[in-house]
Amino acid sequence: MKKFDIRNIRVRSVSVDELSDRMLLLNLYVTQAVTLVIGLAWCFFQGRNPFALLGLPSGASFLYWGFGFALAVLAVDLILSRWVPEEAADDGGVNERIFRSRPVWHIALLSLVVAVCEEMLFRGAIQHSLGPYWTSILFAAIHVRYLKHWIPTGLVFGISYGLGWIYMQTDTLWAPIAAHFAIDFIMGLIIRFRREA
């Protein structure tokens, strides 16, 4: 039996084009699972019940906040896309690869998974400790594919800060989850159907 030698492990950078569709999705789901676990653990260490954060609020006002914010973000993105060259907003083709050939139900599922997992970590756990500004710095940093260009980096920071703000205004995690879901879902649909035309 051959012995495992840790010195033979080689690490190299892989572009999104080198990943199969299955590997790309696996990577996305695993990173979201890790994000959720970290968020849940962080809440427990804060002495808070993370499952209470997901309790549904009474009334639908959180939806107005969430979807209203999502519409504002999409309007800004539409305006920016008219004047900003496409290469200045390049994410390395990740969003294109994730959404371009997915059925609508899968775009919705991906958007929901990402919204719940990331909002649990960033708004539910980190913002409680660091506040919305530093949470938004971390949120922008974790979306590393945008860091090559200042416009998408600034947009991601602004979106994160806005998500933190609506969380503070509504006192429910469901408002930023609704906004995050709507933004990702609509952008995913735009990518999906723009390429079919």
N, C-alpha and C. Protein backbone atom coordinates (compact mmCIF):
# COMPACT_ATOMS: atom_id res chain seq x y z
N MET A 1 0.84 -1.18 0.00
CA MET A 1 0.00 0.00 0.00
C MET A 1 0.89 1.24 0.00
N LYS A 2 0.57 2.18 -0.88
CA LYS A 2 1.35 3.40 -1.02
C LYS A 2 1.02 4.37 0.10
N LYS A 3 2.05 4.95 0.69
CA LYS A 3 1.86 5.91 1.78
C LYS A 3 1.49 7.28 1.21
N PHE A 4 0.65 7.96 1.94
CA PHE A 4 0.27 9.33 1.57
C PHE A 4 1.36 10.28 2.04
N ASP A 5 1.85 11.11 1.12
CA ASP A 5 2.89 12.07 1.46
C ASP A 5 2.35 13.48 1.26
N ILE A 6 2.21 14.21 2.34
CA ILE A 6 1.64 15.56 2.27
C ILE A 6 2.52 16.51 1.47
N ARG A 7 3.79 16.22 1.34
CA ARG A 7 4.70 17.08 0.58
C ARG A 7 4.41 17.05 -0.92
N ASN A 8 3.66 16.04 -1.36
CA ASN A 8 3.34 15.92 -2.79
C ASN A 8 2.08 16.69 -3.19
N ILE A 9 1.45 17.32 -2.23
CA ILE A 9 0.25 18.11 -2.54
C ILE A 9 0.67 19.40 -3.21
N ARG A 10 0.04 19.71 -4.33
CA ARG A 10 0.33 20.93 -5.08
C ARG A 10 -0.94 21.77 -5.14
N VAL A 11 -0.79 23.03 -4.86
CA VAL A 11 -1.91 23.96 -4.92
C VAL A 11 -1.69 24.87 -6.11
N ARG A 12 -2.74 25.03 -6.92
CA ARG A 12 -2.65 25.93 -8.05
C ARG A 12 -3.97 26.65 -8.21
N SER A 13 -3.90 27.79 -8.84
CA SER A 13 -5.09 28.58 -9.10
C SER A 13 -5.86 27.95 -10.26
N VAL A 14 -7.18 27.92 -10.12
CA VAL A 14 -8.04 27.33 -11.15
C VAL A 14 -9.01 28.41 -11.60
N SER A 15 -9.13 28.59 -12.90
CA SER A 15 -10.11 29.55 -13.41
C SER A 15 -11.47 28.88 -13.48
N VAL A 16 -12.51 29.69 -13.54
CA VAL A 16 -13.87 29.16 -13.59
C VAL A 16 -14.09 28.32 -14.85
N ASP A 17 -13.37 28.63 -15.92
CA ASP A 17 -13.53 27.87 -17.17
C ASP A 17 -12.99 26.45 -17.06
N GLU A 18 -12.11 26.21 -16.11
CA GLU A 18 -11.55 24.87 -15.93
C GLU A 18 -12.44 23.95 -15.11
N LEU A 19 -13.46 24.51 -14.47
CA LEU A 19 -14.36 23.72 -13.64
C LEU A 19 -15.51 23.18 -14.47
N SER A 20 -15.88 21.94 -14.22
CA SER A 20 -17.07 21.39 -14.85
C SER A 20 -18.30 22.03 -14.20
N ASP A 21 -19.43 21.93 -14.86
CA ASP A 21 -20.66 22.48 -14.31
C ASP A 21 -20.98 21.86 -12.95
N ARG A 22 -20.79 20.57 -12.87
CA ARG A 22 -21.07 19.85 -11.62
C ARG A 22 -20.14 20.33 -10.51
N MET A 23 -18.85 20.51 -10.82
CA MET A 23 -17.89 20.95 -9.81
C MET A 23 -18.19 22.39 -9.37
N LEU A 24 -18.61 23.23 -10.30
CA LEU A 24 -18.95 24.61 -9.97
C LEU A 24 -20.14 24.65 -9.00
N LEU A 25 -21.18 23.86 -9.29
CA LEU A 25 -22.33 23.80 -8.40
C LEU A 25 -21.97 23.21 -7.05
N LEU A 26 -21.17 22.16 -7.05
CA LEU A 26 -20.74 21.55 -5.80
C LEU A 26 -19.98 22.56 -4.95
N ASN A 27 -19.09 23.31 -5.58
CA ASN A 27 -18.35 24.35 -4.88
C ASN A 27 -19.29 25.38 -4.28
N LEU A 28 -20.28 25.81 -5.06
CA LEU A 28 -21.23 26.81 -4.57
C LEU A 28 -22.01 26.29 -3.37
N TYR A 29 -22.56 25.09 -3.47
CA TYR A 29 -23.36 24.55 -2.37
C TYR A 29 -22.50 24.27 -1.13
N VAL A 30 -21.29 23.77 -1.31
CA VAL A 30 -20.41 23.51 -0.15
C VAL A 30 -20.03 24.81 0.54
N THR A 31 -19.66 25.84 -0.23
CA THR A 31 -19.28 27.10 0.40
C THR A 31 -20.47 27.73 1.12
N GLN A 32 -21.68 27.57 0.59
CA GLN A 32 -22.85 28.10 1.29
C GLN A 32 -23.14 27.30 2.56
N ALA A 33 -22.93 26.00 2.52
CA ALA A 33 -23.12 25.18 3.74
C ALA A 33 -22.12 25.59 4.82
N VAL A 34 -20.87 25.80 4.41
CA VAL A 34 -19.85 26.25 5.36
C VAL A 34 -20.22 27.62 5.93
N THR A 35 -20.70 28.52 5.06
CA THR A 35 -21.13 29.85 5.49
C THR A 35 -22.24 29.74 6.54
N LEU A 36 -23.22 28.87 6.29
CA LEU A 36 -24.33 28.69 7.22
C LEU A 36 -23.84 28.13 8.56
N VAL A 37 -22.99 27.13 8.52
CA VAL A 37 -22.47 26.52 9.75
C VAL A 37 -21.70 27.56 10.57
N ILE A 38 -20.86 28.35 9.91
CA ILE A 38 -20.11 29.40 10.61
C ILE A 38 -21.09 30.41 11.23
N GLY A 39 -22.10 30.80 10.48
CA GLY A 39 -23.10 31.74 11.00
C GLY A 39 -23.83 31.20 12.21
N LEU A 40 -24.27 29.95 12.13
CA LEU A 40 -24.96 29.32 13.26
C LEU A 40 -24.04 29.23 14.48
N ALA A 41 -22.80 28.78 14.27
CA ALA A 41 -21.85 28.65 15.39
C ALA A 41 -21.56 30.01 16.00
N TRP A 42 -21.37 31.02 15.16
CA TRP A 42 -21.07 32.37 15.66
C TRP A 42 -22.22 32.87 16.54
N CYS A 43 -23.45 32.65 16.10
CA CYS A 43 -24.61 33.05 16.90
C CYS A 43 -24.64 32.32 18.24
N PHE A 44 -24.36 31.02 18.24
CA PHE A 44 -24.32 30.26 19.49
C PHE A 44 -23.26 30.83 20.43
N PHE A 45 -22.07 31.15 19.89
CA PHE A 45 -21.00 31.71 20.72
C PHE A 45 -21.36 33.10 21.26
N GLN A 46 -22.24 33.80 20.57
CA GLN A 46 -22.72 35.09 21.06
C GLN A 46 -23.79 34.93 22.13
N GLY A 47 -24.19 33.68 22.37
CA GLY A 47 -25.25 33.42 23.35
C GLY A 47 -26.64 33.69 22.80
N ARG A 48 -26.77 33.66 21.47
CA ARG A 48 -28.04 33.93 20.81
C ARG A 48 -28.54 32.66 20.13
N ASN A 49 -29.83 32.56 20.00
CA ASN A 49 -30.43 31.42 19.32
C ASN A 49 -30.58 31.76 17.84
N PRO A 50 -29.77 31.15 16.96
CA PRO A 50 -29.86 31.50 15.54
C PRO A 50 -31.19 31.11 14.91
N PHE A 51 -31.84 30.12 15.47
CA PHE A 51 -33.12 29.69 14.91
C PHE A 51 -34.23 30.70 15.23
N ALA A 52 -34.07 31.42 16.34
CA ALA A 52 -35.01 32.49 16.66
C ALA A 52 -34.89 33.63 15.65
N LEU A 53 -33.68 33.81 15.09
CA LEU A 53 -33.49 34.84 14.07
C LEU A 53 -34.33 34.56 12.82
N LEU A 54 -34.62 33.28 12.60
CA LEU A 54 -35.39 32.89 11.41
C LEU A 54 -36.88 32.77 11.69
N GLY A 55 -37.31 33.19 12.87
CA GLY A 55 -38.74 33.21 13.16
C GLY A 55 -39.44 34.20 12.25
N LEU A 56 -40.55 33.79 11.67
CA LEU A 56 -41.27 34.66 10.74
C LEU A 56 -41.93 35.80 11.50
N PRO A 57 -41.74 37.02 10.99
CA PRO A 57 -42.37 38.17 11.65
C PRO A 57 -43.86 38.22 11.36
N SER A 58 -44.57 38.92 12.22
CA SER A 58 -45.99 39.12 11.93
C SER A 58 -46.12 40.27 10.94
N GLY A 59 -47.00 40.13 10.01
CA GLY A 59 -47.17 41.16 9.00
C GLY A 59 -46.21 40.97 7.84
N ALA A 60 -46.46 41.74 6.79
CA ALA A 60 -45.66 41.61 5.57
C ALA A 60 -44.78 42.82 5.30
N SER A 61 -44.62 43.69 6.27
CA SER A 61 -43.84 44.91 6.02
C SER A 61 -42.38 44.60 5.67
N PHE A 62 -41.86 43.48 6.18
CA PHE A 62 -40.48 43.11 5.85
C PHE A 62 -40.31 42.86 4.36
N LEU A 63 -41.39 42.39 3.71
CA LEU A 63 -41.34 42.17 2.26
C LEU A 63 -41.25 43.49 1.50
N TYR A 64 -41.96 44.50 1.99
CA TYR A 64 -41.87 45.82 1.35
C TYR A 64 -40.45 46.37 1.45
N TRP A 65 -39.85 46.23 2.63
CA TRP A 65 -38.48 46.69 2.81
C TRP A 65 -37.53 45.90 1.89
N GLY A 66 -37.66 44.57 1.92
CA GLY A 66 -36.76 43.72 1.15
C GLY A 66 -36.89 43.91 -0.34
N PHE A 67 -38.12 43.84 -0.84
CA PHE A 67 -38.31 43.97 -2.29
C PHE A 67 -38.12 45.40 -2.76
N GLY A 68 -38.45 46.37 -1.90
CA GLY A 68 -38.19 47.77 -2.24
C GLY A 68 -36.70 48.04 -2.39
N PHE A 69 -35.91 47.51 -1.46
CA PHE A 69 -34.46 47.67 -1.55
C PHE A 69 -33.92 46.96 -2.78
N ALA A 70 -34.44 45.77 -3.06
CA ALA A 70 -33.99 45.02 -4.25
C ALA A 70 -34.28 45.81 -5.52
N LEU A 71 -35.44 46.42 -5.60
CA LEU A 71 -35.77 47.23 -6.79
C LEU A 71 -34.81 48.41 -6.92
N ALA A 72 -34.47 49.04 -5.82
CA ALA A 72 -33.52 50.16 -5.86
C ALA A 72 -32.15 49.69 -6.35
N VAL A 73 -31.69 48.54 -5.85
CA VAL A 73 -30.39 47.99 -6.28
C VAL A 73 -30.42 47.66 -7.77
N LEU A 74 -31.49 47.03 -8.22
CA LEU A 74 -31.59 46.67 -9.63
C LEU A 74 -31.65 47.91 -10.52
N ALA A 75 -32.31 48.96 -10.06
CA ALA A 75 -32.36 50.21 -10.83
C ALA A 75 -30.96 50.82 -10.94
N VAL A 76 -30.21 50.84 -9.83
CA VAL A 76 -28.84 51.36 -9.87
C VAL A 76 -27.98 50.52 -10.80
N ASP A 77 -28.13 49.19 -10.72
CA ASP A 77 -27.36 48.31 -11.58
C ASP A 77 -27.69 48.54 -13.06
N LEU A 78 -28.95 48.75 -13.35
CA LEU A 78 -29.37 49.02 -14.73
C LEU A 78 -28.77 50.33 -15.23
N ILE A 79 -28.80 51.35 -14.39
CA ILE A 79 -28.21 52.64 -14.76
C ILE A 79 -26.71 52.50 -14.98
N LEU A 80 -26.03 51.81 -14.06
CA LEU A 80 -24.58 51.63 -14.20
C LEU A 80 -24.23 50.84 -15.46
N SER A 81 -25.05 49.84 -15.78
CA SER A 81 -24.74 49.01 -16.95
C SER A 81 -24.85 49.80 -18.25
N ARG A 82 -25.55 50.92 -18.24
CA ARG A 82 -25.66 51.76 -19.44
C ARG A 82 -24.39 52.57 -19.68
N TRP A 83 -23.67 52.93 -18.60
CA TRP A 83 -22.51 53.81 -18.75
C TRP A 83 -21.17 53.16 -18.42
N VAL A 84 -21.20 52.04 -17.73
CA VAL A 84 -19.95 51.39 -17.33
C VAL A 84 -19.62 50.30 -18.35
N PRO A 85 -18.38 50.29 -18.86
CA PRO A 85 -18.00 49.22 -19.80
C PRO A 85 -18.11 47.85 -19.14
N GLU A 86 -18.48 46.86 -19.94
CA GLU A 86 -18.70 45.51 -19.40
C GLU A 86 -17.46 44.95 -18.70
N GLU A 87 -16.27 45.26 -19.23
CA GLU A 87 -15.04 44.72 -18.60
C GLU A 87 -14.79 45.33 -17.22
N ALA A 88 -15.36 46.51 -16.92
CA ALA A 88 -15.19 47.13 -15.60
C ALA A 88 -16.07 46.47 -14.55
N ALA A 89 -17.04 45.68 -14.99
CA ALA A 89 -17.93 44.98 -14.06
C ALA A 89 -17.72 43.47 -14.12
N ASP A 90 -16.62 43.04 -14.72
CA ASP A 90 -16.35 41.62 -14.94
C ASP A 90 -16.12 40.89 -13.61
N ASP A 91 -16.78 39.76 -13.44
CA ASP A 91 -16.57 38.92 -12.25
C ASP A 91 -15.82 37.64 -12.61
N GLY A 92 -15.17 37.63 -13.75
CA GLY A 92 -14.44 36.45 -14.18
C GLY A 92 -15.32 35.39 -14.81
N GLY A 93 -16.56 35.73 -15.11
CA GLY A 93 -17.46 34.79 -15.76
C GLY A 93 -18.19 33.85 -14.82
N VAL A 94 -18.06 34.06 -13.51
CA VAL A 94 -18.67 33.15 -12.54
C VAL A 94 -20.20 33.18 -12.63
N ASN A 95 -20.78 34.37 -12.57
CA ASN A 95 -22.25 34.46 -12.62
C ASN A 95 -22.79 33.93 -13.95
N GLU A 96 -22.09 34.22 -15.01
CA GLU A 96 -22.48 33.72 -16.33
C GLU A 96 -22.53 32.19 -16.33
N ARG A 97 -21.48 31.56 -15.79
CA ARG A 97 -21.42 30.10 -15.74
C ARG A 97 -22.48 29.52 -14.82
N ILE A 98 -22.76 30.19 -13.71
CA ILE A 98 -23.73 29.66 -12.76
C ILE A 98 -25.15 29.72 -13.32
N PHE A 99 -25.52 30.84 -13.96
CA PHE A 99 -26.92 31.06 -14.31
C PHE A 99 -27.29 30.83 -15.76
N ARG A 100 -26.35 30.84 -16.69
CA ARG A 100 -26.72 30.92 -18.11
C ARG A 100 -27.54 29.75 -18.63
N SER A 101 -27.40 28.56 -18.06
CA SER A 101 -28.16 27.43 -18.60
C SER A 101 -29.03 26.75 -17.55
N ARG A 102 -29.26 27.41 -16.43
CA ARG A 102 -30.08 26.82 -15.37
C ARG A 102 -31.57 26.99 -15.67
N PRO A 103 -32.36 26.01 -15.29
CA PRO A 103 -33.81 26.23 -15.34
C PRO A 103 -34.21 27.25 -14.26
N VAL A 104 -35.35 27.88 -14.43
CA VAL A 104 -35.79 28.94 -13.52
C VAL A 104 -35.89 28.43 -12.09
N TRP A 105 -36.41 27.21 -11.90
CA TRP A 105 -36.55 26.69 -10.54
C TRP A 105 -35.19 26.58 -9.86
N HIS A 106 -34.15 26.24 -10.62
CA HIS A 106 -32.82 26.09 -10.02
C HIS A 106 -32.21 27.46 -9.71
N ILE A 107 -32.47 28.45 -10.54
CA ILE A 107 -32.03 29.81 -10.24
C ILE A 107 -32.68 30.28 -8.95
N ALA A 108 -33.98 29.99 -8.78
CA ALA A 108 -34.69 30.36 -7.55
C ALA A 108 -34.09 29.64 -6.34
N LEU A 109 -33.82 28.34 -6.49
CA LEU A 109 -33.24 27.57 -5.39
C LEU A 109 -31.86 28.10 -5.01
N LEU A 110 -31.00 28.33 -5.99
CA LEU A 110 -29.68 28.88 -5.72
C LEU A 110 -29.77 30.23 -5.02
N SER A 111 -30.67 31.08 -5.50
CA SER A 111 -30.83 32.41 -4.91
C SER A 111 -31.30 32.31 -3.47
N LEU A 112 -32.22 31.39 -3.18
CA LEU A 112 -32.72 31.22 -1.82
C LEU A 112 -31.63 30.68 -0.89
N VAL A 113 -30.90 29.68 -1.34
CA VAL A 113 -29.82 29.10 -0.53
C VAL A 113 -28.77 30.16 -0.19
N VAL A 114 -28.34 30.90 -1.20
CA VAL A 114 -27.33 31.94 -0.99
C VAL A 114 -27.86 33.02 -0.04
N ALA A 115 -29.10 33.45 -0.24
CA ALA A 115 -29.68 34.50 0.59
C ALA A 115 -29.75 34.07 2.06
N VAL A 116 -30.27 32.89 2.32
CA VAL A 116 -30.41 32.43 3.71
C VAL A 116 -29.04 32.23 4.36
N CYS A 117 -28.14 31.55 3.68
CA CYS A 117 -26.83 31.24 4.27
C CYS A 117 -26.00 32.50 4.52
N GLU A 118 -25.91 33.36 3.52
CA GLU A 118 -25.08 34.56 3.68
C GLU A 118 -25.69 35.56 4.65
N GLU A 119 -27.01 35.69 4.66
CA GLU A 119 -27.62 36.63 5.60
C GLU A 119 -27.54 36.13 7.03
N MET A 120 -27.60 34.82 7.23
CA MET A 120 -27.43 34.28 8.58
C MET A 120 -26.04 34.63 9.11
N LEU A 121 -25.02 34.47 8.27
CA LEU A 121 -23.66 34.79 8.71
C LEU A 121 -23.45 36.29 8.84
N PHE A 122 -23.74 37.04 7.78
CA PHE A 122 -23.34 38.45 7.77
C PHE A 122 -24.27 39.33 8.59
N ARG A 123 -25.57 39.27 8.37
CA ARG A 123 -26.47 40.12 9.15
C ARG A 123 -26.78 39.48 10.49
N GLY A 124 -26.99 38.16 10.52
CA GLY A 124 -27.38 37.51 11.77
C GLY A 124 -26.28 37.40 12.80
N ALA A 125 -25.04 37.18 12.35
CA ALA A 125 -23.95 36.94 13.29
C ALA A 125 -22.92 38.08 13.30
N ILE A 126 -22.31 38.34 12.15
CA ILE A 126 -21.20 39.31 12.12
C ILE A 126 -21.68 40.72 12.44
N GLN A 127 -22.79 41.14 11.87
CA GLN A 127 -23.26 42.51 12.12
C GLN A 127 -23.58 42.72 13.59
N HIS A 128 -24.02 41.69 14.28
CA HIS A 128 -24.30 41.80 15.71
C HIS A 128 -23.02 42.14 16.48
N SER A 129 -21.89 41.64 15.99
CA SER A 129 -20.60 41.88 16.66
C SER A 129 -19.90 43.14 16.17
N LEU A 130 -19.92 43.37 14.86
CA LEU A 130 -19.07 44.41 14.27
C LEU A 130 -19.83 45.63 13.73
N GLY A 131 -21.14 45.53 13.60
CA GLY A 131 -21.90 46.63 13.00
C GLY A 131 -21.93 46.52 11.49
N PRO A 132 -22.76 47.35 10.84
CA PRO A 132 -22.96 47.21 9.39
C PRO A 132 -21.75 47.61 8.55
N TYR A 133 -20.94 48.57 9.00
CA TYR A 133 -19.82 49.03 8.18
C TYR A 133 -18.77 47.92 8.01
N TRP A 134 -18.27 47.38 9.12
CA TRP A 134 -17.23 46.34 9.03
C TRP A 134 -17.79 45.05 8.46
N THR A 135 -19.06 44.79 8.71
CA THR A 135 -19.70 43.62 8.09
C THR A 135 -19.68 43.77 6.57
N SER A 136 -19.94 44.98 6.09
CA SER A 136 -19.95 45.22 4.64
C SER A 136 -18.57 45.12 4.04
N ILE A 137 -17.55 45.52 4.79
CA ILE A 137 -16.16 45.34 4.33
C ILE A 137 -15.88 43.85 4.14
N LEU A 138 -16.25 43.04 5.13
CA LEU A 138 -16.04 41.59 5.03
C LEU A 138 -16.88 40.98 3.91
N PHE A 139 -18.11 41.46 3.76
CA PHE A 139 -18.99 40.95 2.71
C PHE A 139 -18.38 41.22 1.33
N ALA A 140 -17.86 42.42 1.15
CA ALA A 140 -17.21 42.75 -0.14
C ALA A 140 -15.96 41.91 -0.34
N ALA A 141 -15.20 41.69 0.73
CA ALA A 141 -13.96 40.91 0.61
C ALA A 141 -14.24 39.45 0.27
N ILE A 142 -15.33 38.90 0.80
CA ILE A 142 -15.63 37.49 0.53
C ILE A 142 -16.12 37.29 -0.90
N HIS A 143 -16.62 38.36 -1.51
CA HIS A 143 -17.01 38.31 -2.92
C HIS A 143 -15.78 38.71 -3.76
N VAL A 144 -14.73 37.95 -3.58
CA VAL A 144 -13.40 38.26 -4.10
C VAL A 144 -13.38 38.43 -5.61
N ARG A 145 -14.28 37.78 -6.31
CA ARG A 145 -14.26 37.87 -7.77
C ARG A 145 -14.55 39.28 -8.27
N TYR A 146 -15.14 40.12 -7.40
CA TYR A 146 -15.42 41.50 -7.80
C TYR A 146 -14.29 42.46 -7.45
N LEU A 147 -13.31 42.03 -6.68
CA LEU A 147 -12.30 42.94 -6.15
C LEU A 147 -11.34 43.47 -7.21
N LYS A 148 -11.35 42.91 -8.42
CA LYS A 148 -10.47 43.40 -9.48
C LYS A 148 -10.89 44.77 -9.99
N HIS A 149 -12.15 45.13 -9.78
CA HIS A 149 -12.68 46.39 -10.30
C HIS A 149 -13.38 47.14 -9.17
N TRP A 150 -13.16 48.44 -9.09
CA TRP A 150 -13.70 49.20 -7.96
C TRP A 150 -15.20 49.41 -8.05
N ILE A 151 -15.79 49.44 -9.24
CA ILE A 151 -17.23 49.69 -9.34
C ILE A 151 -18.03 48.52 -8.75
N PRO A 152 -17.78 47.27 -9.16
CA PRO A 152 -18.55 46.19 -8.53
C PRO A 152 -18.23 46.01 -7.05
N THR A 153 -16.98 46.30 -6.67
CA THR A 153 -16.62 46.21 -5.24
C THR A 153 -17.44 47.23 -4.45
N GLY A 154 -17.51 48.47 -4.96
CA GLY A 154 -18.30 49.49 -4.29
C GLY A 154 -19.78 49.14 -4.26
N LEU A 155 -20.27 48.55 -5.34
CA LEU A 155 -21.68 48.16 -5.40
C LEU A 155 -21.97 47.05 -4.38
N VAL A 156 -21.09 46.06 -4.28
CA VAL A 156 -21.28 44.97 -3.32
C VAL A 156 -21.24 45.53 -1.90
N PHE A 157 -20.30 46.45 -1.62
CA PHE A 157 -20.24 47.08 -0.30
C PHE A 157 -21.55 47.83 -0.01
N GLY A 158 -22.02 48.62 -0.98
CA GLY A 158 -23.25 49.38 -0.79
C GLY A 158 -24.46 48.49 -0.59
N ILE A 159 -24.54 47.42 -1.35
CA ILE A 159 -25.65 46.47 -1.18
C ILE A 159 -25.61 45.88 0.23
N SER A 160 -24.43 45.47 0.66
CA SER A 160 -24.29 44.89 1.99
C SER A 160 -24.69 45.88 3.07
N TYR A 161 -24.24 47.12 2.93
CA TYR A 161 -24.59 48.13 3.92
C TYR A 161 -26.10 48.36 3.93
N GLY A 162 -26.71 48.39 2.75
CA GLY A 162 -28.16 48.54 2.66
C GLY A 162 -28.89 47.36 3.28
N LEU A 163 -28.39 46.14 3.08
CA LEU A 163 -28.99 44.97 3.71
C LEU A 163 -28.91 45.07 5.23
N GLY A 164 -27.77 45.55 5.72
CA GLY A 164 -27.62 45.76 7.16
C GLY A 164 -28.57 46.81 7.68
N TRP A 165 -28.76 47.86 6.89
CA TRP A 165 -29.65 48.95 7.30
C TRP A 165 -31.10 48.47 7.37
N ILE A 166 -31.56 47.72 6.35
CA ILE A 166 -32.95 47.26 6.41
C ILE A 166 -33.14 46.22 7.51
N TYR A 167 -32.08 45.49 7.84
CA TYR A 167 -32.16 44.56 8.97
C TYR A 167 -32.38 45.34 10.27
N MET A 168 -31.66 46.44 10.44
CA MET A 168 -31.83 47.25 11.65
C MET A 168 -33.21 47.93 11.67
N GLN A 169 -33.71 48.32 10.52
CA GLN A 169 -35.01 49.00 10.46
C GLN A 169 -36.17 48.05 10.76
N THR A 170 -36.06 46.82 10.31
CA THR A 170 -37.17 45.88 10.44
C THR A 170 -37.02 44.93 11.62
N ASP A 171 -35.81 44.77 12.12
CA ASP A 171 -35.51 43.86 13.22
C ASP A 171 -35.90 42.42 12.89
N THR A 172 -35.82 42.07 11.61
CA THR A 172 -36.02 40.69 11.20
C THR A 172 -35.04 40.36 10.09
N LEU A 173 -34.47 39.18 10.18
CA LEU A 173 -33.52 38.71 9.17
C LEU A 173 -34.20 38.46 7.83
N TRP A 174 -35.53 38.33 7.85
CA TRP A 174 -36.25 38.02 6.62
C TRP A 174 -36.27 39.18 5.64
N ALA A 175 -36.10 40.41 6.10
CA ALA A 175 -36.06 41.55 5.17
C ALA A 175 -34.81 41.49 4.30
N PRO A 176 -33.59 41.36 4.89
CA PRO A 176 -32.43 41.23 4.01
C PRO A 176 -32.41 39.92 3.22
N ILE A 177 -32.99 38.86 3.78
CA ILE A 177 -33.07 37.60 3.01
C ILE A 177 -33.94 37.82 1.77
N ALA A 178 -35.08 38.48 1.94
CA ALA A 178 -35.97 38.74 0.80
C ALA A 178 -35.27 39.60 -0.25
N ALA A 179 -34.56 40.64 0.22
CA ALA A 179 -33.85 41.52 -0.71
C ALA A 179 -32.74 40.77 -1.44
N HIS A 180 -31.94 40.01 -0.70
CA HIS A 180 -30.82 39.26 -1.28
C HIS A 180 -31.36 38.25 -2.30
N PHE A 181 -32.42 37.55 -1.93
CA PHE A 181 -33.03 36.59 -2.85
C PHE A 181 -33.50 37.28 -4.13
N ALA A 182 -34.23 38.39 -3.98
CA ALA A 182 -34.79 39.07 -5.15
C ALA A 182 -33.68 39.58 -6.07
N ILE A 183 -32.63 40.14 -5.50
CA ILE A 183 -31.51 40.64 -6.31
C ILE A 183 -30.87 39.51 -7.09
N ASP A 184 -30.51 38.43 -6.39
CA ASP A 184 -29.85 37.31 -7.06
C ASP A 184 -30.76 36.63 -8.09
N PHE A 185 -32.02 36.46 -7.73
CA PHE A 185 -32.96 35.78 -8.62
C PHE A 185 -33.18 36.59 -9.91
N ILE A 186 -33.43 37.87 -9.77
CA ILE A 186 -33.68 38.70 -10.96
C ILE A 186 -32.42 38.81 -11.81
N MET A 187 -31.25 39.00 -11.17
CA MET A 187 -30.01 39.06 -11.94
C MET A 187 -29.73 37.72 -12.63
N GLY A 188 -30.03 36.63 -11.94
CA GLY A 188 -29.88 35.31 -12.55
C GLY A 188 -30.78 35.13 -13.76
N LEU A 189 -32.03 35.60 -13.65
CA LEU A 189 -32.96 35.52 -14.78
C LEU A 189 -32.50 36.38 -15.94
N ILE A 190 -31.96 37.56 -15.63
CA ILE A 190 -31.44 38.43 -16.69
C ILE A 190 -30.32 37.73 -17.44
N ILE A 191 -29.39 37.14 -16.71
CA ILE A 191 -28.28 36.41 -17.35
C ILE A 191 -28.82 35.24 -18.16
N ARG A 192 -29.75 34.50 -17.59
CA ARG A 192 -30.30 33.30 -18.24
C ARG A 192 -31.01 33.64 -19.55
N PHE A 193 -31.87 34.63 -19.53
CA PHE A 193 -32.68 34.90 -20.71
C PHE A 193 -32.04 35.88 -21.68
N ARG A 194 -31.09 36.67 -21.22
CA ARG A 194 -30.35 37.54 -22.14
C ARG A 194 -29.56 36.69 -23.12
N ARG A 195 -29.03 35.58 -22.67
CA ARG A 195 -28.21 34.72 -23.53
C ARG A 195 -29.04 33.92 -24.51
N GLU A 196 -30.33 33.72 -24.20
CA GLU A 196 -31.19 32.97 -25.13
C GLU A 196 -31.64 33.83 -26.29
N ALA A 197 -31.69 35.12 -26.09
CA ALA A 197 -32.23 36.02 -27.12
C ALA A 197 -31.31 36.12 -28.30
